[in-house]
PDB file of N, CA and C in Angstrom:
ATOM      1  N   MET A   1      11.117  -5.037 -12.528  1.00  0.00           N
ATOM      2  CA  MET A   1      11.234  -3.602 -12.755  1.00  0.00           C
ATOM      3  C   MET A   1      12.692  -3.197 -12.531  1.00  0.00           C
ATOM      4  N   SER A   2      13.195  -2.389 -13.372  1.00  0.00           N
ATOM      5  CA  SER A   2      14.594  -1.935 -13.215  1.00  0.00           C
ATOM      6  C   SER A   2      14.727  -1.021 -12.048  1.00  0.00           C
ATOM      7  N   LYS A   3      15.961  -0.911 -11.525  1.00  0.00           N
ATOM      8  CA  LYS A   3      16.248  -0.012 -10.411  1.00  0.00           C
ATOM      9  C   LYS A   3      16.007   1.436 -10.852  1.00  0.00           C
ATOM     10  N   LYS A   4      16.364   1.756 -12.079  1.00  0.00           N
ATOM     11  CA  LYS A   4      16.157   3.111 -12.591  1.00  0.00           C
ATOM     12  C   LYS A   4      14.670   3.498 -12.571  1.00  0.00           C
ATOM     13  N   LYS A   5      13.860   2.588 -13.090  1.00  0.00           N
ATOM     14  CA  LYS A   5      12.434   2.864 -13.150  1.00  0.00           C
ATOM     15  C   LYS A   5      11.889   2.957 -11.705  1.00  0.00           C
ATOM     16  N   ALA A   6      12.326   2.068 -10.834  1.00  0.00           N
ATOM     17  CA  ALA A   6      11.862   2.086  -9.412  1.00  0.00           C
ATOM     18  C   ALA A   6      12.179   3.433  -8.793  1.00  0.00           C
ATOM     19  N   ARG A   7      13.346   3.982  -9.013  1.00  0.00           N
ATOM     20  CA  ARG A   7      13.725   5.287  -8.510  1.00  0.00           C
ATOM     21  C   ARG A   7      12.827   6.362  -9.088  1.00  0.00           C
ATOM     22  N   LYS A   8      12.468   6.236 -10.337  1.00  0.00           N
ATOM     23  CA  LYS A   8      11.680   7.249 -11.009  1.00  0.00           C
ATOM     24  C   LYS A   8      10.282   7.310 -10.383  1.00  0.00           C
ATOM     25  N   ILE A   9       9.660   6.174 -10.180  1.00  0.00           N
ATOM     26  CA  ILE A   9       8.252   6.138  -9.671  1.00  0.00           C
ATOM     27  C   ILE A   9       8.197   6.067  -8.152  1.00  0.00           C
ATOM     28  N   GLY A  10       9.284   5.695  -7.510  1.00  0.00           N
ATOM     29  CA  GLY A  10       9.252   5.575  -6.031  1.00  0.00           C
ATOM     30  C   GLY A  10       9.175   4.112  -5.673  1.00  0.00           C
ATOM     31  N   VAL A  11       9.847   3.757  -4.617  1.00  0.00           N
ATOM     32  CA  VAL A  11       9.807   2.385  -4.127  1.00  0.00           C
ATOM     33  C   VAL A  11       8.635   2.247  -3.196  1.00  0.00           C
ATOM     34  N   PRO A  12       8.107   1.020  -3.064  1.00  0.00           N
ATOM     35  CA  PRO A  12       6.923   0.806  -2.223  1.00  0.00           C
ATOM     36  C   PRO A  12       7.180   1.327  -0.817  1.00  0.00           C
ATOM     37  N   GLY A  13       6.266   2.060  -0.288  1.00  0.00           N
ATOM     38  CA  GLY A  13       6.357   2.525   1.121  1.00  0.00           C
ATOM     39  C   GLY A  13       5.770   1.537   2.068  1.00  0.00           C
ATOM     40  N   SER A  14       6.164   1.633   3.312  1.00  0.00           N
ATOM     41  CA  SER A  14       5.688   0.704   4.302  1.00  0.00           C
ATOM     42  C   SER A  14       4.177   0.885   4.584  1.00  0.00           C
ATOM     43  N   ARG A  15       3.647   2.044   4.219  1.00  0.00           N
ATOM     44  CA  ARG A  15       2.235   2.342   4.478  1.00  0.00           C
ATOM     45  C   ARG A  15       1.355   1.974   3.242  1.00  0.00           C
ATOM     46  N   SER A  16       1.955   1.634   2.137  1.00  0.00           N
ATOM     47  CA  SER A  16       1.239   1.376   0.896  1.00  0.00           C
ATOM     48  C   SER A  16       0.735  -0.081   0.830  1.00  0.00           C
ATOM     49  N   ASP A  17      -0.496  -0.216   0.325  1.00  0.00           N
ATOM     50  CA  ASP A  17      -1.038  -1.533   0.094  1.00  0.00           C
ATOM     51  C   ASP A  17      -0.761  -2.082  -1.322  1.00  0.00           C
ATOM     52  N   SER A  18      -0.220  -1.266  -2.205  1.00  0.00           N
ATOM     53  CA  SER A  18       0.055  -1.702  -3.576  1.00  0.00           C
ATOM     54  C   SER A  18       1.095  -0.836  -4.205  1.00  0.00           C
ATOM     55  N   GLY A  19       1.577  -1.295  -5.352  1.00  0.00           N
ATOM     56  CA  GLY A  19       2.534  -0.554  -6.094  1.00  0.00           C
ATOM     57  C   GLY A  19       1.974   0.720  -6.601  1.00  0.00           C
ATOM     58  N   SER A  20       0.674   0.699  -6.983  1.00  0.00           N
ATOM     59  CA  SER A  20       0.029   1.886  -7.450  1.00  0.00           C
ATOM     60  C   SER A  20      -0.026   2.946  -6.346  1.00  0.00           C
ATOM     61  N   GLU A  21      -0.297   2.512  -5.128  1.00  0.00           N
ATOM     62  CA  GLU A  21      -0.344   3.480  -3.999  1.00  0.00           C
ATOM     63  C   GLU A  21       1.068   4.037  -3.720  1.00  0.00           C
ATOM     64  N   SER A  22       2.060   3.179  -3.820  1.00  0.00           N
ATOM     65  CA  SER A  22       3.378   3.708  -3.607  1.00  0.00           C
ATOM     66  C   SER A  22       3.782   4.738  -4.663  1.00  0.00           C
ATOM     67  N   ALA A  23       3.422   4.425  -5.929  1.00  0.00           N
ATOM     68  CA  ALA A  23       3.777   5.376  -7.010  1.00  0.00           C
ATOM     69  C   ALA A  23       3.004   6.690  -6.836  1.00  0.00           C
ATOM     70  N   LEU A  24       1.717   6.600  -6.442  1.00  0.00           N
ATOM     71  CA  LEU A  24       0.931   7.790  -6.242  1.00  0.00           C
ATOM     72  C   LEU A  24       1.483   8.624  -5.062  1.00  0.00           C
ATOM     73  N   ALA A  25       1.874   7.927  -3.986  1.00  0.00           N
ATOM     74  CA  ALA A  25       2.467   8.650  -2.852  1.00  0.00           C
ATOM     75  C   ALA A  25       3.718   9.404  -3.279  1.00  0.00           C
ATOM     76  N   PHE A  26       4.540   8.738  -4.093  1.00  0.00           N
ATOM     77  CA  PHE A  26       5.732   9.404  -4.592  1.00  0.00           C
ATOM     78  C   PHE A  26       5.406  10.649  -5.391  1.00  0.00           C
ATOM     79  N   ARG A  27       4.407  10.474  -6.312  1.00  0.00           N
ATOM     80  CA  ARG A  27       4.021  11.597  -7.144  1.00  0.00           C
ATOM     81  C   ARG A  27       3.435  12.743  -6.313  1.00  0.00           C
ATOM     82  N   LEU A  28       2.625  12.441  -5.300  1.00  0.00           N
ATOM     83  CA  LEU A  28       2.067  13.469  -4.449  1.00  0.00           C
ATOM     84  C   LEU A  28       3.132  14.212  -3.672  1.00  0.00           C
ATOM     85  N   ARG A  29       4.176  13.475  -3.263  1.00  0.00           N
ATOM     86  CA  ARG A  29       5.307  14.122  -2.527  1.00  0.00           C
ATOM     87  C   ARG A  29       6.018  15.098  -3.494  1.00  0.00           C
ATOM     88  N   LYS A  30       6.153  14.702  -4.717  1.00  0.00           N
ATOM     89  CA  LYS A  30       6.828  15.583  -5.703  1.00  0.00           C
ATOM     90  C   LYS A  30       6.007  16.890  -5.902  1.00  0.00           C
ATOM     91  N   LEU A  31       4.669  16.767  -5.720  1.00  0.00           N
ATOM     92  CA  LEU A  31       3.785  17.943  -5.838  1.00  0.00           C
ATOM     93  C   LEU A  31       3.813  18.750  -4.504  1.00  0.00           C
ATOM     94  N   LYS A  32       4.460  18.246  -3.499  1.00  0.00           N
ATOM     95  CA  LYS A  32       4.564  18.844  -2.167  1.00  0.00           C
ATOM     96  C   LYS A  32       3.212  18.963  -1.484  1.00  0.00           C
ATOM     97  N   LEU A  33       2.403  17.907  -1.689  1.00  0.00           N
ATOM     98  CA  LEU A  33       1.079  17.881  -1.053  1.00  0.00           C
ATOM     99  C   LEU A  33       1.183  17.156   0.285  1.00  0.00           C
ATOM    100  N   GLU A  34       0.499  17.659   1.262  1.00  0.00           N
ATOM    101  CA  GLU A  34       0.435  16.961   2.588  1.00  0.00           C
ATOM    102  C   GLU A  34      -0.694  15.894   2.495  1.00  0.00           C
ATOM    103  N   PHE A  35      -0.267  14.714   2.850  1.00  0.00           N
ATOM    104  CA  PHE A  35      -1.241  13.623   2.791  1.00  0.00           C
ATOM    105  C   PHE A  35      -0.833  12.535   3.766  1.00  0.00           C
ATOM    106  N   GLU A  36      -1.824  11.649   4.091  1.00  0.00           N
ATOM    107  CA  GLU A  36      -1.600  10.477   4.920  1.00  0.00           C
ATOM    108  C   GLU A  36      -2.102   9.244   4.156  1.00  0.00           C
ATOM    109  N   GLN A  37      -1.429   8.135   4.422  1.00  0.00           N
ATOM    110  CA  GLN A  37      -1.836   6.896   3.784  1.00  0.00           C
ATOM    111  C   GLN A  37      -2.523   6.008   4.818  1.00  0.00           C
ATOM    112  N   GLN A  38      -3.438   5.180   4.347  1.00  0.00           N
ATOM    113  CA  GLN A  38      -4.124   4.222   5.150  1.00  0.00           C
ATOM    114  C   GLN A  38      -4.736   4.825   6.376  1.00  0.00           C
ATOM    115  N   VAL A  39      -5.603   5.802   6.130  1.00  0.00           N
ATOM    116  CA  VAL A  39      -6.259   6.557   7.184  1.00  0.00           C
ATOM    117  C   VAL A  39      -7.597   5.927   7.585  1.00  0.00           C
ATOM    118  N   TRP A  40      -7.835   5.719   8.859  1.00  0.00           N
ATOM    119  CA  TRP A  40      -9.063   5.123   9.331  1.00  0.00           C
ATOM    120  C   TRP A  40     -10.111   6.260   9.515  1.00  0.00           C
ATOM    121  N   ILE A  41     -11.245   6.103   8.855  1.00  0.00           N
ATOM    122  CA  ILE A  41     -12.333   7.026   8.961  1.00  0.00           C
ATOM    123  C   ILE A  41     -13.520   6.290   9.518  1.00  0.00           C
ATOM    124  N   ARG A  42     -14.040   6.778  10.647  1.00  0.00           N
ATOM    125  CA  ARG A  42     -15.147   6.106  11.318  1.00  0.00           C
ATOM    126  C   ARG A  42     -16.340   5.926  10.382  1.00  0.00           C
ATOM    127  N   ASP A  43     -16.982   4.783  10.492  1.00  0.00           N
ATOM    128  CA  ASP A  43     -18.147   4.379   9.684  1.00  0.00           C
ATOM    129  C   ASP A  43     -17.801   4.119   8.224  1.00  0.00           C
ATOM    130  N   VAL A  44     -16.526   4.183   7.894  1.00  0.00           N
ATOM    131  CA  VAL A  44     -16.142   3.938   6.500  1.00  0.00           C
ATOM    132  C   VAL A  44     -15.057   2.851   6.467  1.00  0.00           C
ATOM    133  N   GLY A  45     -14.086   3.003   7.359  1.00  0.00           N
ATOM    134  CA  GLY A  45     -12.933   2.110   7.376  1.00  0.00           C
ATOM    135  C   GLY A  45     -11.687   2.818   6.856  1.00  0.00           C
ATOM    136  N   ARG A  46     -10.770   2.092   6.387  1.00  0.00           N
ATOM    137  CA  ARG A  46      -9.504   2.628   5.952  1.00  0.00           C
ATOM    138  C   ARG A  46      -9.577   3.107   4.495  1.00  0.00           C
ATOM    139  N   VAL A  47      -9.082   4.305   4.279  1.00  0.00           N
ATOM    140  CA  VAL A  47      -8.985   4.844   2.907  1.00  0.00           C
ATOM    141  C   VAL A  47      -7.497   4.854   2.486  1.00  0.00           C
ATOM    142  N   ASP A  48      -7.244   4.807   1.243  1.00  0.00           N
ATOM    143  CA  ASP A  48      -5.846   4.703   0.752  1.00  0.00           C
ATOM    144  C   ASP A  48      -5.048   5.952   1.058  1.00  0.00           C
ATOM    145  N   ILE A  49      -5.569   7.093   0.621  1.00  0.00           N
ATOM    146  CA  ILE A  49      -4.833   8.360   0.827  1.00  0.00           C
ATOM    147  C   ILE A  49      -5.852   9.436   1.170  1.00  0.00           C
ATOM    148  N   LEU A  50      -5.467  10.253   2.154  1.00  0.00           N
ATOM    149  CA  LEU A  50      -6.224  11.426   2.549  1.00  0.00           C
ATOM    150  C   LEU A  50      -5.345  12.651   2.362  1.00  0.00           C
ATOM    151  N   VAL A  51      -5.743  13.531   1.426  1.00  0.00           N
ATOM    152  CA  VAL A  51      -5.002  14.754   1.168  1.00  0.00           C
ATOM    153  C   VAL A  51      -5.702  15.859   1.975  1.00  0.00           C
ATOM    154  N   GLY A  52      -4.914  16.573   2.794  1.00  0.00           N
ATOM    155  CA  GLY A  52      -5.506  17.574   3.669  1.00  0.00           C
ATOM    156  C   GLY A  52      -6.477  16.925   4.610  1.00  0.00           C
ATOM    157  N   GLN A  53      -7.626  17.570   4.781  1.00  0.00           N
ATOM    158  CA  GLN A  53      -8.631  16.977   5.668  1.00  0.00           C
ATOM    159  C   GLN A  53      -9.788  16.354   5.012  1.00  0.00           C
ATOM    160  N   SER A  54      -9.932  16.525   3.654  1.00  0.00           N
ATOM    161  CA  SER A  54     -11.157  16.072   3.071  1.00  0.00           C
ATOM    162  C   SER A  54     -11.105  15.528   1.610  1.00  0.00           C
ATOM    163  N   LEU A  55      -9.900  15.343   1.101  1.00  0.00           N
ATOM    164  CA  LEU A  55      -9.799  14.771  -0.269  1.00  0.00           C
ATOM    165  C   LEU A  55      -9.313  13.339  -0.155  1.00  0.00           C
ATOM    166  N   VAL A  56     -10.166  12.399  -0.423  1.00  0.00           N
ATOM    167  CA  VAL A  56      -9.832  10.970  -0.335  1.00  0.00           C
ATOM    168  C   VAL A  56      -9.513  10.459  -1.713  1.00  0.00           C
ATOM    169  N   ILE A  57      -8.391   9.777  -1.872  1.00  0.00           N
ATOM    170  CA  ILE A  57      -8.041   9.138  -3.107  1.00  0.00           C
ATOM    171  C   ILE A  57      -7.976   7.626  -2.832  1.00  0.00           C
ATOM    172  N   GLU A  58      -8.736   6.891  -3.580  1.00  0.00           N
ATOM    173  CA  GLU A  58      -8.792   5.445  -3.500  1.00  0.00           C
ATOM    174  C   GLU A  58      -8.168   4.870  -4.780  1.00  0.00           C
ATOM    175  N   LEU A  59      -7.387   3.847  -4.662  1.00  0.00           N
ATOM    176  CA  LEU A  59      -6.752   3.198  -5.801  1.00  0.00           C
ATOM    177  C   LEU A  59      -7.307   1.763  -5.935  1.00  0.00           C
ATOM    178  N   ASP A  60      -7.913   1.506  -7.062  1.00  0.00           N
ATOM    179  CA  ASP A  60      -8.542   0.177  -7.317  1.00  0.00           C
ATOM    180  C   ASP A  60      -7.989  -0.410  -8.591  1.00  0.00           C
ATOM    181  N   SER A  61      -7.924  -1.725  -8.567  1.00  0.00           N
ATOM    182  CA  SER A  61      -7.592  -2.417  -9.797  1.00  0.00           C
ATOM    183  C   SER A  61      -8.850  -3.054 -10.382  1.00  0.00           C
ATOM    184  N   TRP A  62      -8.882  -3.223 -11.658  1.00  0.00           N
ATOM    185  CA  TRP A  62      -9.968  -3.893 -12.311  1.00  0.00           C
ATOM    186  C   TRP A  62     -10.117  -5.313 -11.768  1.00  0.00           C
ATOM    187  N   GLN A  63      -9.013  -5.944 -11.528  1.00  0.00           N
ATOM    188  CA  GLN A  63      -9.056  -7.330 -11.019  1.00  0.00           C
ATOM    189  C   GLN A  63      -9.776  -7.402  -9.669  1.00  0.00           C
ATOM    190  N   HIS A  64      -9.545  -6.411  -8.846  1.00  0.00           N
ATOM    191  CA  HIS A  64     -10.136  -6.368  -7.494  1.00  0.00           C
ATOM    192  C   HIS A  64     -11.651  -6.420  -7.620  1.00  0.00           C
ATOM    193  N   HIS A  65     -12.244  -5.598  -8.497  1.00  0.00           N
ATOM    194  CA  HIS A  65     -13.689  -5.546  -8.608  1.00  0.00           C
ATOM    195  C   HIS A  65     -14.229  -6.679  -9.491  1.00  0.00           C
ATOM    196  N   GLN A  66     -13.449  -7.138 -10.456  1.00  0.00           N
ATOM    197  CA  GLN A  66     -13.879  -8.214 -11.294  1.00  0.00           C
ATOM    198  C   GLN A  66     -14.039  -9.499 -10.485  1.00  0.00           C
ATOM    199  N   ALA A  67     -13.140  -9.683  -9.580  1.00  0.00           N
ATOM    200  CA  ALA A  67     -13.102 -10.902  -8.756  1.00  0.00           C
ATOM    201  C   ALA A  67     -14.168 -10.836  -7.659  1.00  0.00           C
ATOM    202  N   ASP A  68     -14.580  -9.673  -7.263  1.00  0.00           N
ATOM    203  CA  ASP A  68     -15.468  -9.532  -6.070  1.00  0.00           C
ATOM    204  C   ASP A  68     -16.496  -8.437  -6.340  1.00  0.00           C
ATOM    205  N   ARG A  69     -17.670  -8.790  -6.857  1.00  0.00           N
ATOM    206  CA  ARG A  69     -18.682  -7.804  -7.167  1.00  0.00           C
ATOM    207  C   ARG A  69     -19.161  -7.111  -5.863  1.00  0.00           C
ATOM    208  N   LYS A  70     -19.149  -7.836  -4.764  1.00  0.00           N
ATOM    209  CA  LYS A  70     -19.558  -7.253  -3.484  1.00  0.00           C
ATOM    210  C   LYS A  70     -18.621  -6.113  -3.143  1.00  0.00           C
ATOM    211  N   ALA A  71     -17.339  -6.235  -3.444  1.00  0.00           N
ATOM    212  CA  ALA A  71     -16.357  -5.158  -3.129  1.00  0.00           C
ATOM    213  C   ALA A  71     -16.709  -3.926  -3.966  1.00  0.00           C
ATOM    214  N   TYR A  72     -17.137  -4.098  -5.187  1.00  0.00           N
ATOM    215  CA  TYR A  72     -17.567  -2.992  -6.018  1.00  0.00           C
ATOM    216  C   TYR A  72     -18.662  -2.229  -5.361  1.00  0.00           C
ATOM    217  N   HIS A  73     -19.714  -2.921  -4.927  1.00  0.00           N
ATOM    218  CA  HIS A  73     -20.873  -2.298  -4.270  1.00  0.00           C
ATOM    219  C   HIS A  73     -20.470  -1.715  -2.919  1.00  0.00           C
ATOM    220  N   ARG A  74     -19.676  -2.383  -2.167  1.00  0.00           N
ATOM    221  CA  ARG A  74     -19.211  -1.870  -0.885  1.00  0.00           C
ATOM    222  C   ARG A  74     -18.432  -0.537  -1.069  1.00  0.00           C
ATOM    223  N   ASP A  75     -17.607  -0.485  -2.119  1.00  0.00           N
ATOM    224  CA  ASP A  75     -16.879   0.756  -2.355  1.00  0.00           C
ATOM    225  C   ASP A  75     -17.827   1.900  -2.683  1.00  0.00           C
ATOM    226  N   ARG A  76     -18.882   1.658  -3.440  1.00  0.00           N
ATOM    227  CA  ARG A  76     -19.863   2.703  -3.762  1.00  0.00           C
ATOM    228  C   ARG A  76     -20.598   3.141  -2.487  1.00  0.00           C
ATOM    229  N   GLU A  77     -20.854   2.224  -1.558  1.00  0.00           N
ATOM    230  CA  GLU A  77     -21.477   2.594  -0.272  1.00  0.00           C
ATOM    231  C   GLU A  77     -20.585   3.456   0.500  1.00  0.00           C
ATOM    232  N   ARG A  78     -19.284   3.111   0.577  1.00  0.00           N
ATOM    233  CA  ARG A  78     -18.279   3.907   1.285  1.00  0.00           C
ATOM    234  C   ARG A  78     -18.192   5.291   0.696  1.00  0.00           C
ATOM    235  N   ASP A  79     -18.197   5.379  -0.643  1.00  0.00           N
ATOM    236  CA  ASP A  79     -18.138   6.655  -1.290  1.00  0.00           C
ATOM    237  C   ASP A  79     -19.326   7.569  -0.895  1.00  0.00           C
ATOM    238  N   ALA A  80     -20.505   6.960  -0.855  1.00  0.00           N
ATOM    239  CA  ALA A  80     -21.724   7.680  -0.494  1.00  0.00           C
ATOM    240  C   ALA A  80     -21.626   8.277   0.898  1.00  0.00           C
ATOM    241  N   VAL A  81     -21.104   7.447   1.836  1.00  0.00           N
ATOM    242  CA  VAL A  81     -20.981   7.966   3.248  1.00  0.00           C
ATOM    243  C   VAL A  81     -19.947   9.066   3.280  1.00  0.00           C
ATOM    244  N   LEU A  82     -18.800   8.895   2.619  1.00  0.00           N
ATOM    245  CA  LEU A  82     -17.778   9.908   2.630  1.00  0.00           C
ATOM    246  C   LEU A  82     -18.287  11.236   2.022  1.00  0.00           C
ATOM    247  N   ILE A  83     -18.983  11.129   0.907  1.00  0.00           N
ATOM    248  CA  ILE A  83     -19.500  12.343   0.279  1.00  0.00           C
ATOM    249  C   ILE A  83     -20.539  13.037   1.171  1.00  0.00           C
ATOM    250  N   ALA A  84     -21.425  12.242   1.779  1.00  0.00           N
ATOM    251  CA  ALA A  84     -22.396  12.815   2.718  1.00  0.00           C
ATOM    252  C   ALA A  84     -21.762  13.580   3.858  1.00  0.00           C
ATOM    253  N   ARG A  85     -20.567  13.134   4.239  1.00  0.00           N
ATOM    254  CA  ARG A  85     -19.854  13.762   5.358  1.00  0.00           C
ATOM    255  C   ARG A  85     -18.970  14.954   4.895  1.00  0.00           C
ATOM    256  N   GLY A  86     -18.937  15.235   3.592  1.00  0.00           N
ATOM    257  CA  GLY A  86     -18.177  16.387   3.093  1.00  0.00           C
ATOM    258  C   GLY A  86     -16.875  16.080   2.426  1.00  0.00           C
ATOM    259  N   TYR A  87     -16.520  14.845   2.308  1.00  0.00           N
ATOM    260  CA  TYR A  87     -15.257  14.482   1.625  1.00  0.00           C
ATOM    261  C   TYR A  87     -15.478  14.513   0.132  1.00  0.00           C
ATOM    262  N   THR A  88     -14.383  14.789  -0.590  1.00  0.00           N
ATOM    263  CA  THR A  88     -14.379  14.569  -2.028  1.00  0.00           C
ATOM    264  C   THR A  88     -13.641  13.298  -2.256  1.00  0.00           C
ATOM    265  N   VAL A  89     -14.225  12.437  -3.098  1.00  0.00           N
ATOM    266  CA  VAL A  89     -13.657  11.098  -3.299  1.00  0.00           C
ATOM    267  C   VAL A  89     -13.213  10.994  -4.790  1.00  0.00           C
ATOM    268  N   VAL A  90     -11.983  10.563  -4.947  1.00  0.00           N
ATOM    269  CA  VAL A  90     -11.446  10.338  -6.310  1.00  0.00           C
ATOM    270  C   VAL A  90     -10.979   8.882  -6.328  1.00  0.00           C
ATOM    271  N   ARG A  91     -11.427   8.121  -7.335  1.00  0.00           N
ATOM    272  CA  ARG A  91     -10.963   6.762  -7.525  1.00  0.00           C
ATOM    273  C   ARG A  91     -10.098   6.704  -8.767  1.00  0.00           C
ATOM    274  N   LEU A  92      -8.898   6.172  -8.507  1.00  0.00           N
ATOM    275  CA  LEU A  92      -7.930   6.042  -9.604  1.00  0.00           C
ATOM    276  C   LEU A  92      -7.583   4.564  -9.828  1.00  0.00           C
ATOM    277  N   ALA A  93      -7.198   4.260 -11.005  1.00  0.00           N
ATOM    278  CA  ALA A  93      -6.758   2.890 -11.335  1.00  0.00           C
ATOM    279  C   ALA A  93      -5.278   2.899 -11.651  1.00  0.00           C
ATOM    280  N   TYR A  94      -4.747   1.715 -11.791  1.00  0.00           N
ATOM    281  CA  TYR A  94      -3.313   1.554 -12.102  1.00  0.00           C
ATOM    282  C   TYR A  94      -2.943   2.379 -13.304  1.00  0.00           C
ATOM    283  N   ALA A  95      -3.745   2.230 -14.392  1.00  0.00           N
ATOM    284  CA  ALA A  95      -3.462   2.925 -15.654  1.00  0.00           C
ATOM    285  C   ALA A  95      -3.418   4.446 -15.482  1.00  0.00           C
ATOM    286  N   HIS A  96      -4.280   4.986 -14.605  1.00  0.00           N
ATOM    287  CA  HIS A  96      -4.309   6.450 -14.358  1.00  0.00           C
ATOM    288  C   HIS A  96      -2.937   6.915 -13.758  1.00  0.00           C
ATOM    289  N   VAL A  97      -2.464   6.142 -12.876  1.00  0.00           N
ATOM    290  CA  VAL A  97      -1.221   6.545 -12.146  1.00  0.00           C
ATOM    291  C   VAL A  97       0.054   6.316 -13.032  1.00  0.00           C
ATOM    292  N   PHE A  98       0.067   5.236 -13.787  1.00  0.00           N
ATOM    293  CA  PHE A  98       1.240   4.843 -14.543  1.00  0.00           C
ATOM    294  C   PHE A  98       1.241   5.331 -15.962  1.00  0.00           C
ATOM    295  N   PHE A  99       0.099   5.415 -16.638  1.00  0.00           N
ATOM    296  CA  PHE A  99       0.049   5.687 -18.086  1.00  0.00           C
ATOM    297  C   PHE A  99      -0.558   6.979 -18.452  1.00  0.00           C
ATOM    298  N   ASP A 100      -1.345   7.600 -17.558  1.00  0.00           N
ATOM    299  CA  ASP A 100      -2.111   8.810 -17.899  1.00  0.00           C
ATOM    300  C   ASP A 100      -1.927   9.816 -16.782  1.00  0.00           C
ATOM    301  N   TRP A 101      -0.806   9.857 -16.125  1.00  0.00           N
ATOM    302  CA  TRP A 101      -0.614  10.682 -14.939  1.00  0.00           C
ATOM    303  C   TRP A 101      -0.829  12.137 -15.218  1.00  0.00           C
ATOM    304  N   GLN A 102      -0.386  12.673 -16.318  1.00  0.00           N
ATOM    305  CA  GLN A 102      -0.521  14.148 -16.537  1.00  0.00           C
ATOM    306  C   GLN A 102      -1.976  14.571 -16.422  1.00  0.00           C
ATOM    307  N   LYS A 103      -2.885  13.822 -16.978  1.00  0.00           N
ATOM    308  CA  LYS A 103      -4.304  14.147 -16.930  1.00  0.00           C
ATOM    309  C   LYS A 103      -4.803  14.164 -15.491  1.00  0.00           C
ATOM    310  N   TYR A 104      -4.401  13.140 -14.732  1.00  0.00           N
ATOM    311  CA  TYR A 104      -4.923  13.010 -13.353  1.00  0.00           C
ATOM    312  C   TYR A 104      -4.216  13.978 -12.375  1.00  0.00           C
ATOM    313  N   GLU A 105      -2.972  14.279 -12.661  1.00  0.00           N
ATOM    314  CA  GLU A 105      -2.286  15.285 -11.925  1.00  0.00           C
ATOM    315  C   GLU A 105      -2.997  16.653 -12.071  1.00  0.00           C
ATOM    316  N   ALA A 106      -3.354  16.959 -13.295  1.00  0.00           N
ATOM    317  CA  ALA A 106      -4.097  18.224 -13.548  1.00  0.00           C
ATOM    318  C   ALA A 106      -5.447  18.199 -12.821  1.00  0.00           C
ATOM    319  N   LEU A 107      -6.126  17.047 -12.781  1.00  0.00           N
ATOM    320  CA  LEU A 107      -7.382  16.950 -12.092  1.00  0.00           C
ATOM    321  C   LEU A 107      -7.172  17.209 -10.546  1.00  0.00           C
ATOM    322  N   LEU A 108      -6.151  16.557  -9.984  1.00  0.00           N
ATOM    323  CA  LEU A 108      -5.859  16.770  -8.599  1.00  0.00           C
ATOM    324  C   LEU A 108      -5.414  18.224  -8.275  1.00  0.00           C
ATOM    325  N   ARG A 109      -4.638  18.781  -9.147  1.00  0.00           N
ATOM    326  CA  ARG A 109      -4.233  20.182  -8.960  1.00  0.00           C
ATOM    327  C   ARG A 109      -5.447  21.085  -8.975  1.00  0.00           C
ATOM    328  N   GLY A 110      -6.450  20.800  -9.795  1.00  0.00           N
ATOM    329  CA  GLY A 110      -7.709  21.536  -9.822  1.00  0.00           C
ATOM    330  C   GLY A 110      -8.474  21.459  -8.521  1.00  0.00           C
ATOM    331  N   TYR A 111      -8.497  20.204  -7.936  1.00  0.00           N
ATOM    332  CA  TYR A 111      -9.175  20.061  -6.632  1.00  0.00           C
ATOM    333  C   TYR A 111      -8.446  20.897  -5.579  1.00  0.00           C
ATOM    334  N   ILE A 112      -7.095  20.879  -5.601  1.00  0.00           N
ATOM    335  CA  ILE A 112      -6.319  21.600  -4.611  1.00  0.00           C
ATOM    336  C   ILE A 112      -6.503  23.109  -4.833  1.00  0.00           C
ATOM    337  N   LYS A 113      -6.505  23.541  -6.048  1.00  0.00           N
ATOM    338  CA  LYS A 113      -6.684  24.979  -6.308  1.00  0.00           C
ATOM    339  C   LYS A 113      -8.025  25.430  -5.813  1.00  0.00           C
ATOM    340  N   ARG A 114      -9.051  24.594  -5.887  1.00  0.00           N
ATOM    341  CA  ARG A 114     -10.395  24.928  -5.391  1.00  0.00           C
ATOM    342  C   ARG A 114     -10.528  24.655  -3.890  1.00  0.00           C
ATOM    343  N   ARG A 115      -9.438  24.208  -3.291  1.00  0.00           N
ATOM    344  CA  ARG A 115      -9.360  23.963  -1.839  1.00  0.00           C
ATOM    345  C   ARG A 115     -10.322  22.881  -1.370  1.00  0.00           C
ATOM    346  N   LEU A 116     -10.657  21.958  -2.221  1.00  0.00           N
ATOM    347  CA  LEU A 116     -11.512  20.885  -1.828  1.00  0.00           C
ATOM    348  C   LEU A 116     -10.897  20.017  -0.737  1.00  0.00           C
ATOM    349  N   HIS A 117      -9.603  20.015  -0.604  1.00  0.00           N
ATOM    350  CA  HIS A 117      -8.893  19.243   0.407  1.00  0.00           C
ATOM    351  C   HIS A 117      -8.963  19.908   1.790  1.00  0.00           C
ATOM    352  N   LYS A 118      -9.445  21.134   1.831  1.00  0.00           N
ATOM    353  CA  LYS A 118      -9.555  21.877   3.076  1.00  0.00           C
ATOM    354  C   LYS A 118     -10.952  22.006   3.602  1.00  0.00           C
ATOM    355  N   ARG A 119     -11.883  21.427   2.889  1.00  0.00           N
ATOM    356  CA  ARG A 119     -13.270  21.548   3.309  1.00  0.00           C
ATOM    357  C   ARG A 119     -13.519  20.844   4.641  1.00  0.00           C
ATOM    358  N   PRO A 120     -14.355  21.453   5.494  1.00  0.00           N
ATOM    359  CA  PRO A 120     -14.633  20.738   6.759  1.00  0.00           C
ATOM    360  C   PRO A 120     -15.452  19.520   6.522  1.00  0.00           C
ATOM    361  N   VAL A 121     -15.258  18.540   7.317  1.00  0.00           N
ATOM    362  CA  VAL A 121     -16.054  17.301   7.229  1.00  0.00           C
ATOM    363  C   VAL A 121     -16.897  17.118   8.484  1.00  0.00           C
ATOM    364  N   ARG A 122     -17.970  16.396   8.369  1.00  0.00           N
ATOM    365  CA  ARG A 122     -18.911  16.221   9.460  1.00  0.00           C
ATOM    366  C   ARG A 122     -18.729  14.841  10.102  1.00  0.00           C
ATOM    367  N   ALA A 123     -18.724  14.828  11.366  1.00  0.00           N
ATOM    368  CA  ALA A 123     -18.706  13.534  12.081  1.00  0.00           C
ATOM    369  C   ALA A 123     -20.156  13.091  12.288  1.00  0.00           C
ATOM    370  N   TRP A 124     -20.372  11.817  12.306  1.00  0.00           N
ATOM    371  CA  TRP A 124     -21.720  11.283  12.552  1.00  0.00           C
ATOM    372  C   TRP A 124     -21.814  10.804  13.984  1.00  0.00           C
TER     373      TRP A 124
END
């Protein structure tokens, strides 16, 4: 990757697990959204990005799930627990972040406008 392109999308952060996560963090910062990366949520584990108190963004690659079907099912179980506790869960792929960002930026802006990131969550 060229230095110019790296500056445009953001360099990998120390809290990112992937290039997609680094790029998404960079884009969220440009939107001036408050978020944390690699947040531990009890009974779920670590989530990639938590916007506000209740909007979870997970970044997955096709290879990740293609190589491990158990991971695919485990992610759906995690989503079910998060949703039951009041979180909104958005799963994005590499292509969404790098090639179709305008569409997903609009989607995230809609969640923020509806204040889904501010909803209270329930502890179990």
